[in-house]
């Protein structure tokens, strides 16, 4: 690790000039520059407020397109005519190995001409987005649950850009009784009073998930592990071999709905592990909003198959 580089790979900023060593008149000019910079920050905050109004305007259009997408995926609407016209590029010739792989995928999908809609669309979309957008949160044991995911939507707060909410819609399933799982992200719309000159647009400052009502024995966020084994005892009061187990937290995409709490107040401290988890959570939440839900992107992720 090079000098000045932190343990997480980021380089700490170290000014090469000691401002306090400058003559008073020069220090005053530096303060004037800070005030000018703050004028830029205020103008930038106004810019992002106008962008938010544009977002609200166009989100309504995206929502309408997304409703049509959902109808196609669910099988409520069968596209015809101009809806299904698309200039597909000629496929390159595939060798026998690739052809066998394609046939195998077709068998796994188990689709035919009587298939309704596009089964498991969101499962495949999230799997293909797992490394890029979801930071690898989806585990193999999450996939049977995500087969029941029917839609993902986003709702923007208005008129202020103070939050956005992700909603995950599920069909009736054997894992939990919820029909919708939600995650709300709170945004700081204006510059942070503690460091106003570092403003770079609205930022996520906290998030809140929801309670998942897991059915008995179906909670994929927990796993039972063996702590130790008790040997069998012989004799009239003997007992068979026993396992001592305990339930522990398991890696799962569904931990996304129970993020760590953000401490209140300036003096609130958060464990380093929770801080890292929350930083990852913020990135994933923003990626789902901007990449996964966006009306043009899910089809692209799905087509990676």
Protein backbone atom coordinates (compact mmCIF):
# COMPACT_ATOMS: atom_id res chain seq x y z
CA UNK A 1 0.00 0.00 0.00
CA UNK A 2 1.48 3.34 -1.09
CA UNK A 3 1.89 6.32 1.23
CA UNK A 4 -1.36 8.26 1.57
CA UNK A 5 -3.49 5.32 0.43
CA UNK A 6 -6.13 4.02 2.84
CA UNK A 7 -6.83 0.35 3.53
CA UNK A 8 -9.87 0.39 1.20
CA UNK A 9 -7.75 1.56 -1.74
CA UNK A 10 -8.89 5.19 -1.70
CA UNK A 11 -6.28 7.94 -1.65
CA UNK A 12 -6.55 10.40 1.24
CA UNK A 13 -6.50 14.05 0.16
CA UNK A 14 -3.48 15.87 1.54
CA UNK A 15 -3.20 19.55 0.64
CA UNK A 16 0.29 20.58 -0.44
CA UNK A 17 -0.13 24.09 0.89
CA UNK A 18 -0.67 25.20 4.49
CA UNK A 19 -3.28 27.95 4.12
CA UNK A 20 -2.60 29.21 7.64
CA UNK A 21 0.98 30.01 6.65
CA UNK A 22 -0.15 32.49 4.00
CA UNK A 23 -0.30 36.25 4.62
CA UNK A 24 -3.64 37.43 5.99
CA UNK A 25 -4.53 39.27 2.80
CA UNK A 26 -4.02 36.08 0.77
CA UNK A 27 -6.05 34.05 3.27
CA UNK A 28 -8.90 36.51 2.79
CA UNK A 29 -8.74 35.98 -0.98
CA UNK A 30 -8.94 32.21 -0.39
CA UNK A 31 -12.05 32.79 1.73
CA UNK A 32 -13.50 34.84 -1.11
CA UNK A 33 -12.87 31.89 -3.44
CA UNK A 34 -14.73 29.60 -1.02
CA UNK A 35 -17.70 31.97 -1.10
CA UNK A 36 -17.62 31.96 -4.88
CA UNK A 37 -17.44 28.17 -4.83
CA UNK A 38 -20.46 28.08 -2.54
CA UNK A 39 -22.33 30.26 -5.06
CA UNK A 40 -21.56 27.52 -7.62
CA UNK A 41 -22.84 24.88 -5.19
CA UNK A 42 -26.12 26.76 -4.69
CA UNK A 43 -26.54 27.09 -8.46
CA UNK A 44 -25.83 23.37 -8.83
CA UNK A 45 -28.47 22.57 -6.18
CA UNK A 46 -30.97 24.65 -8.17
CA UNK A 47 -29.95 22.74 -11.29
CA UNK A 48 -30.64 19.37 -9.63
CA UNK A 49 -34.02 20.64 -8.39
CA UNK A 50 -35.00 21.41 -11.98
CA UNK A 51 -33.67 18.02 -13.06
CA UNK A 52 -35.93 16.42 -10.46
CA UNK A 53 -38.99 18.13 -11.96
CA UNK A 54 -37.94 16.74 -15.34
CA UNK A 55 -37.50 13.31 -13.74
CA UNK A 56 -41.04 13.49 -12.39
CA UNK A 57 -42.39 14.48 -15.79
CA UNK A 58 -40.63 11.68 -17.65
CA UNK A 59 -41.09 9.09 -14.90
CA UNK A 60 -44.81 9.26 -15.64
CA UNK A 61 -44.01 8.35 -19.26
CA UNK A 62 -41.64 5.58 -18.17
CA UNK A 63 -44.33 4.23 -15.83
CA UNK A 64 -46.79 3.98 -18.71
CA UNK A 65 -44.24 2.12 -20.84
CA UNK A 66 -43.39 -0.14 -17.90
CA UNK A 67 -47.07 -1.00 -17.41
CA UNK A 68 -47.15 -2.19 -21.02
CA UNK A 69 -43.96 -4.17 -20.39
CA UNK A 70 -45.54 -5.83 -17.36
CA UNK A 71 -48.62 -6.78 -19.39
CA UNK A 72 -46.42 -8.52 -21.97
CA UNK A 73 -44.29 -10.28 -19.35
CA UNK A 74 -47.34 -11.51 -17.40
CA UNK A 75 -49.18 -12.65 -20.51
CA UNK A 76 -52.05 -10.18 -20.06
CA UNK A 77 -51.23 -8.69 -23.47
CA UNK A 78 -50.13 -10.61 -26.56
CA UNK A 79 -48.10 -8.27 -28.82
CA UNK A 80 -48.90 -8.38 -32.54
CA UNK A 81 -48.28 -6.44 -35.74
CA UNK A 82 -45.83 -3.55 -35.45
CA UNK A 83 -45.22 -4.45 -31.78
CA UNK A 84 -43.25 -7.54 -32.77
CA UNK A 85 -41.36 -6.08 -35.71
CA UNK A 86 -37.67 -5.85 -34.87
CA UNK A 87 -34.68 -6.04 -37.27
CA UNK A 88 -32.81 -8.96 -35.70
CA UNK A 89 -29.19 -9.29 -36.72
CA UNK A 90 -28.19 -12.53 -38.45
CA UNK A 91 -26.86 -15.00 -35.91
CA UNK A 92 -23.30 -16.27 -36.48
CA UNK A 93 -22.94 -19.96 -37.23
CA UNK A 94 -22.62 -21.91 -34.02
CA UNK A 95 -20.44 -24.93 -33.59
CA UNK A 96 -21.89 -28.18 -32.32
CA UNK A 97 -20.89 -27.45 -28.72
CA UNK A 98 -22.65 -24.08 -28.70
CA UNK A 99 -25.70 -25.58 -30.38
CA UNK A 100 -25.92 -28.28 -27.73
CA UNK A 101 -25.65 -25.61 -25.06
CA UNK A 102 -28.49 -23.65 -26.66
CA UNK A 103 -30.70 -26.75 -26.77
CA UNK A 104 -29.88 -27.44 -23.13
CA UNK A 105 -30.95 -23.92 -22.15
CA UNK A 106 -34.20 -24.39 -24.02
CA UNK A 107 -34.92 -27.57 -22.09
CA UNK A 108 -34.14 -25.87 -18.80
CA UNK A 109 -36.49 -22.99 -19.63
CA UNK A 110 -39.20 -25.57 -20.53
CA UNK A 111 -41.05 -23.18 -22.82
CA UNK A 112 -43.29 -23.96 -25.79
CA UNK A 113 -45.83 -22.23 -28.02
CA UNK A 114 -48.45 -22.45 -25.27
CA UNK A 115 -46.28 -20.58 -22.74
CA UNK A 116 -47.99 -17.53 -21.23
CA UNK A 117 -45.96 -14.31 -21.15
CA UNK A 118 -42.26 -14.59 -20.30
CA UNK A 119 -41.86 -16.86 -17.26
CA UNK A 120 -39.19 -15.97 -14.69
CA UNK A 121 -38.34 -12.76 -16.57
CA UNK A 122 -37.25 -10.86 -13.46
CA UNK A 123 -35.30 -13.81 -12.05
CA UNK A 124 -33.17 -14.00 -15.20
CA UNK A 125 -32.89 -10.22 -15.40
CA UNK A 126 -31.59 -9.96 -11.82
CA UNK A 127 -29.25 -12.93 -12.29
CA UNK A 128 -27.69 -11.27 -15.32
CA UNK A 129 -27.43 -7.97 -13.43
CA UNK A 130 -26.10 -9.67 -10.30
CA UNK A 131 -22.41 -8.89 -10.68
CA UNK A 132 -22.67 -5.47 -12.32
CA UNK A 133 -25.61 -3.86 -10.53
CA UNK A 134 -26.37 -6.01 -7.48
CA UNK A 135 -22.77 -6.55 -6.34
CA UNK A 136 -23.27 -10.32 -6.22
CA UNK A 137 -26.06 -10.21 -3.61
CA UNK A 138 -28.13 -12.98 -5.22
CA UNK A 139 -27.29 -16.45 -3.90
CA UNK A 140 -28.31 -19.77 -5.43
CA UNK A 141 -30.83 -20.37 -2.63
CA UNK A 142 -32.50 -17.01 -3.49
CA UNK A 143 -33.38 -18.11 -7.02
CA UNK A 144 -36.41 -20.28 -6.19
CA UNK A 145 -37.89 -17.30 -4.32
CA UNK A 146 -37.15 -14.83 -7.12
CA UNK A 147 -39.01 -17.07 -9.59
CA UNK A 148 -42.17 -15.53 -8.11
CA UNK A 149 -41.04 -11.91 -8.66
CA UNK A 150 -43.47 -10.34 -11.13
CA UNK A 151 -42.42 -6.68 -11.26
CA UNK A 152 -40.08 -4.01 -9.85
CA UNK A 153 -41.13 -0.36 -9.78
CA UNK A 154 -39.80 2.94 -8.46
CA UNK A 155 -41.74 5.87 -7.00
CA UNK A 156 -40.09 9.29 -6.73
CA UNK A 157 -40.96 11.69 -3.94
CA UNK A 158 -42.52 14.98 -4.94
CA UNK A 159 -42.33 17.87 -5.07
CA UNK A 160 -39.00 17.65 -3.25
CA UNK A 161 -36.33 15.15 -4.22
CA UNK A 162 -36.21 13.74 -0.70
CA UNK A 163 -36.58 10.00 -1.34
CA UNK A 164 -37.43 7.19 -3.72
CA UNK A 165 -39.10 3.84 -3.03
CA UNK A 166 -38.41 0.52 -4.75
CA UNK A 167 -41.30 -1.96 -4.81
CA UNK A 168 -40.86 -5.65 -5.58
CA UNK A 169 -44.13 -7.38 -6.51
CA UNK A 170 -44.48 -11.13 -5.91
CA UNK A 171 -47.04 -13.71 -6.92
CA UNK A 172 -48.43 -16.00 -4.22
CA UNK A 173 -45.57 -18.28 -3.23
CA UNK A 174 -44.56 -20.91 -0.65
CA UNK A 175 -41.84 -18.71 0.91
CA UNK A 176 -43.56 -15.63 2.41
CA UNK A 177 -47.02 -14.12 2.62
CA UNK A 178 -46.09 -10.60 1.45
CA UNK A 179 -47.29 -9.57 -1.99
CA UNK A 180 -44.98 -6.52 -2.05
CA UNK A 181 -41.55 -5.89 -0.54
CA UNK A 182 -40.42 -2.26 -0.32
CA UNK A 183 -37.21 -0.36 0.25
CA UNK A 184 -37.19 3.43 0.71
CA UNK A 185 -34.06 5.56 0.32
CA UNK A 186 -33.89 9.00 1.92
CA UNK A 187 -31.99 11.66 -0.01
CA UNK A 188 -30.19 14.81 1.05
CA UNK A 189 -31.31 17.22 -1.64
CA UNK A 190 -29.23 20.21 -0.56
CA UNK A 191 -25.54 20.53 0.41
CA UNK A 192 -24.48 18.94 3.68
CA UNK A 193 -24.14 21.78 6.23
CA UNK A 194 -21.07 20.02 7.65
CA UNK A 195 -19.23 20.09 4.27
CA UNK A 196 -21.16 22.32 1.84
CA UNK A 197 -18.34 22.68 -0.70
CA UNK A 198 -18.24 18.92 -1.27
CA UNK A 199 -21.74 18.89 -2.76
CA UNK A 200 -22.06 16.64 -5.79
CA UNK A 201 -25.82 16.45 -6.21
CA UNK A 202 -28.51 14.70 -4.13
CA UNK A 203 -27.12 11.75 -2.19
CA UNK A 204 -28.58 8.80 -0.32
CA UNK A 205 -28.23 9.28 3.42
CA UNK A 206 -30.33 6.44 4.85
CA UNK A 207 -32.71 3.65 3.90
CA UNK A 208 -35.52 1.61 5.39
CA UNK A 209 -36.66 -1.85 4.38
CA UNK A 210 -39.67 -3.89 5.37
CA UNK A 211 -40.52 -6.98 7.39
CA UNK A 212 -40.70 -10.18 5.37
CA UNK A 213 -43.32 -12.57 6.73
CA UNK A 214 -41.49 -15.83 6.07
CA UNK A 215 -43.42 -19.06 6.22
CA UNK A 216 -42.19 -21.77 8.59
CA UNK A 217 -38.87 -23.21 7.50
CA UNK A 218 -38.67 -21.04 4.35
CA UNK A 219 -36.50 -18.11 5.51
CA UNK A 220 -33.52 -18.06 3.12
CA UNK A 221 -31.78 -15.37 5.19
CA UNK A 222 -31.11 -17.89 7.95
CA UNK A 223 -29.37 -21.24 8.03
CA UNK A 224 -28.95 -23.94 10.64
CA UNK A 225 -25.36 -24.98 11.36
CA UNK A 226 -24.00 -27.76 13.52
CA UNK A 227 -22.07 -26.47 16.53
CA UNK A 228 -20.94 -29.86 17.82
CA UNK A 229 -21.89 -33.49 17.97
CA UNK A 230 -22.69 -35.38 21.17
CA UNK A 231 -21.51 -38.96 21.05
CA UNK A 232 -23.95 -41.76 21.68
CA UNK A 233 -24.00 -43.21 25.20
CA UNK A 234 -24.28 -46.94 25.79
CA UNK A 235 -26.03 -48.71 28.61
CA UNK A 236 -29.56 -48.74 30.00
CA UNK A 237 -29.63 -44.94 30.21
CA UNK A 238 -27.82 -44.46 26.97
CA UNK A 239 -28.77 -41.98 24.26
CA UNK A 240 -28.22 -41.81 20.50
CA UNK A 241 -25.75 -39.46 18.87
CA UNK A 242 -27.04 -35.89 18.81
CA UNK A 243 -26.17 -32.73 16.93
CA UNK A 244 -26.15 -29.35 18.66
CA UNK A 245 -27.22 -26.71 16.16
CA UNK A 246 -27.89 -22.99 16.04
CA UNK A 247 -29.50 -20.65 13.53
CA UNK A 248 -27.19 -18.02 11.97
CA UNK A 249 -27.59 -15.30 9.38
CA UNK A 250 -27.09 -16.48 5.80
CA UNK A 251 -25.93 -14.45 2.81
CA UNK A 252 -29.03 -13.63 0.77
CA UNK A 253 -30.43 -11.02 -1.57
CA UNK A 254 -33.36 -10.70 0.85
CA UNK A 255 -31.08 -9.20 3.52
CA UNK A 256 -31.43 -6.16 1.27
CA UNK A 257 -34.76 -5.48 3.01
CA UNK A 258 -33.25 -5.28 6.51
CA UNK A 259 -30.35 -2.79 6.26
CA UNK A 260 -28.37 -1.55 9.28
CA UNK A 261 -29.80 1.49 11.07
CA UNK A 262 -28.10 4.84 10.51
CA UNK A 263 -27.16 6.39 13.90
CA UNK A 264 -28.89 9.68 14.65
CA UNK A 265 -26.97 12.83 15.52
CA UNK A 266 -23.41 13.90 14.78
CA UNK A 267 -21.96 11.74 17.52
CA UNK A 268 -23.68 8.56 16.40
CA UNK A 269 -21.17 5.85 15.60
CA UNK A 270 -21.70 2.82 13.38
CA UNK A 271 -19.68 -0.41 13.46
CA UNK A 272 -17.25 -0.56 10.54
CA UNK A 273 -18.91 -3.70 9.16
CA UNK A 274 -22.34 -2.05 9.19
CA UNK A 275 -20.94 1.07 7.51
CA UNK A 276 -19.47 -1.07 4.71
CA UNK A 277 -22.77 -2.95 4.35
CA UNK A 278 -24.70 0.31 4.15
CA UNK A 279 -22.33 1.80 1.56
CA UNK A 280 -22.86 -1.29 -0.60
CA UNK A 281 -26.61 -1.08 0.00
CA UNK A 282 -26.72 2.52 -1.23
CA UNK A 283 -24.88 1.56 -4.42
CA UNK A 284 -27.22 -1.38 -5.05
CA UNK A 285 -30.36 0.67 -4.39
CA UNK A 286 -29.26 3.38 -6.81
CA UNK A 287 -28.27 0.78 -9.43
CA UNK A 288 -31.67 -0.92 -9.21
CA UNK A 289 -33.36 2.46 -9.68
CA UNK A 290 -31.15 3.64 -12.53
CA UNK A 291 -30.20 0.41 -14.33
CA UNK A 292 -32.50 -2.49 -13.49
CA UNK A 293 -35.90 -0.77 -13.45
CA UNK A 294 -35.29 1.71 -16.26
CA UNK A 295 -37.72 0.80 -19.02
CA UNK A 296 -35.03 0.03 -21.62
CA UNK A 297 -32.60 -1.93 -19.43
CA UNK A 298 -34.40 -5.06 -18.13
CA UNK A 299 -34.83 -6.44 -21.65
CA UNK A 300 -31.11 -5.95 -22.26
CA UNK A 301 -30.20 -7.80 -19.07
CA UNK A 302 -32.69 -10.55 -19.95
CA UNK A 303 -31.24 -10.91 -23.46
CA UNK A 304 -27.80 -11.70 -22.01
CA UNK A 305 -29.17 -15.26 -21.66
